[in-house]
């Protein structure tokens, strides 16, 4: 019984983590953009959080992006 609950919980956490992404989950803007466009085109969810300013560019502040209002990096 406990094993079944644990297995079910692990599956749900893994399943959810593959649906919802943050910019920190990607190394470059191009990687984020590719994932963003695939999700959006297929009608799946989880892509809106990558484009906070609504300009169609995911994770503008990652390397390779052209974000203008990026948070300053901590030293």
Protein backbone atom coordinates (compact mmCIF):
# COMPACT_ATOMS: atom_id res chain seq x y z
CA UNK A 1 0.00 0.00 0.00
CA UNK A 2 2.72 2.49 0.92
CA UNK A 3 4.75 1.49 -2.15
CA UNK A 4 1.73 2.12 -4.40
CA UNK A 5 1.23 5.60 -2.96
CA UNK A 6 4.93 6.43 -3.30
CA UNK A 7 5.05 5.18 -6.89
CA UNK A 8 1.93 7.15 -7.78
CA UNK A 9 3.36 10.31 -6.19
CA UNK A 10 6.73 9.94 -7.97
CA UNK A 11 4.97 9.49 -11.31
CA UNK A 12 2.84 12.61 -10.79
CA UNK A 13 5.82 14.74 -9.80
CA UNK A 14 7.85 13.56 -12.83
CA UNK A 15 4.86 13.98 -15.16
CA UNK A 16 4.19 17.53 -13.95
CA UNK A 17 7.84 18.56 -14.15
CA UNK A 18 7.92 17.63 -17.83
CA UNK A 19 4.89 19.86 -18.54
CA UNK A 20 5.80 23.05 -16.69
CA UNK A 21 9.18 24.58 -17.38
CA UNK A 22 11.02 27.65 -16.17
CA UNK A 23 13.75 29.53 -17.97
CA UNK A 24 16.22 28.11 -15.45
CA UNK A 25 15.52 24.66 -16.95
CA UNK A 26 17.26 25.68 -20.19
CA UNK A 27 20.86 26.64 -20.99
CA UNK A 28 20.13 28.91 -23.96
CA UNK A 29 17.30 30.99 -25.36
CA UNK A 30 17.28 28.78 -28.46
CA UNK A 31 16.59 25.64 -26.40
CA UNK A 32 13.77 27.40 -24.57
CA UNK A 33 12.34 28.77 -27.82
CA UNK A 34 12.27 25.35 -29.43
CA UNK A 35 10.42 23.80 -26.46
CA UNK A 36 8.08 26.82 -26.30
CA UNK A 37 7.13 26.58 -29.97
CA UNK A 38 6.63 22.81 -29.88
CA UNK A 39 4.30 23.04 -26.88
CA UNK A 40 2.38 26.01 -28.25
CA UNK A 41 1.94 24.51 -31.73
CA UNK A 42 0.71 21.18 -30.36
CA UNK A 43 -1.88 22.87 -28.13
CA UNK A 44 -0.26 21.65 -24.93
CA UNK A 45 0.13 23.70 -21.78
CA UNK A 46 3.17 24.95 -19.91
CA UNK A 47 4.62 27.31 -22.50
CA UNK A 48 3.19 30.64 -21.34
CA UNK A 49 5.49 30.88 -18.33
CA UNK A 50 8.49 31.16 -20.66
CA UNK A 51 7.24 34.34 -22.36
CA UNK A 52 6.39 36.78 -19.59
CA UNK A 53 6.33 39.89 -21.78
CA UNK A 54 4.18 38.25 -24.47
CA UNK A 55 6.48 39.07 -27.39
CA UNK A 56 6.66 35.49 -28.66
CA UNK A 57 10.27 35.05 -27.54
CA UNK A 58 10.84 32.55 -24.75
CA UNK A 59 13.38 33.32 -22.03
CA UNK A 60 14.79 36.47 -23.62
CA UNK A 61 17.40 36.85 -20.86
CA UNK A 62 19.13 33.53 -21.38
CA UNK A 63 22.37 33.41 -23.42
CA UNK A 64 21.51 34.00 -27.06
CA UNK A 65 18.41 36.04 -26.25
CA UNK A 66 17.85 39.76 -26.76
CA UNK A 67 16.04 40.67 -23.54
CA UNK A 68 15.99 44.35 -22.64
CA UNK A 69 14.57 44.14 -19.12
CA UNK A 70 16.69 41.32 -17.74
CA UNK A 71 17.45 41.14 -14.03
CA UNK A 72 21.01 42.04 -13.17
CA UNK A 73 23.27 39.12 -12.40
CA UNK A 74 24.40 38.74 -8.82
CA UNK A 75 28.13 38.98 -8.29
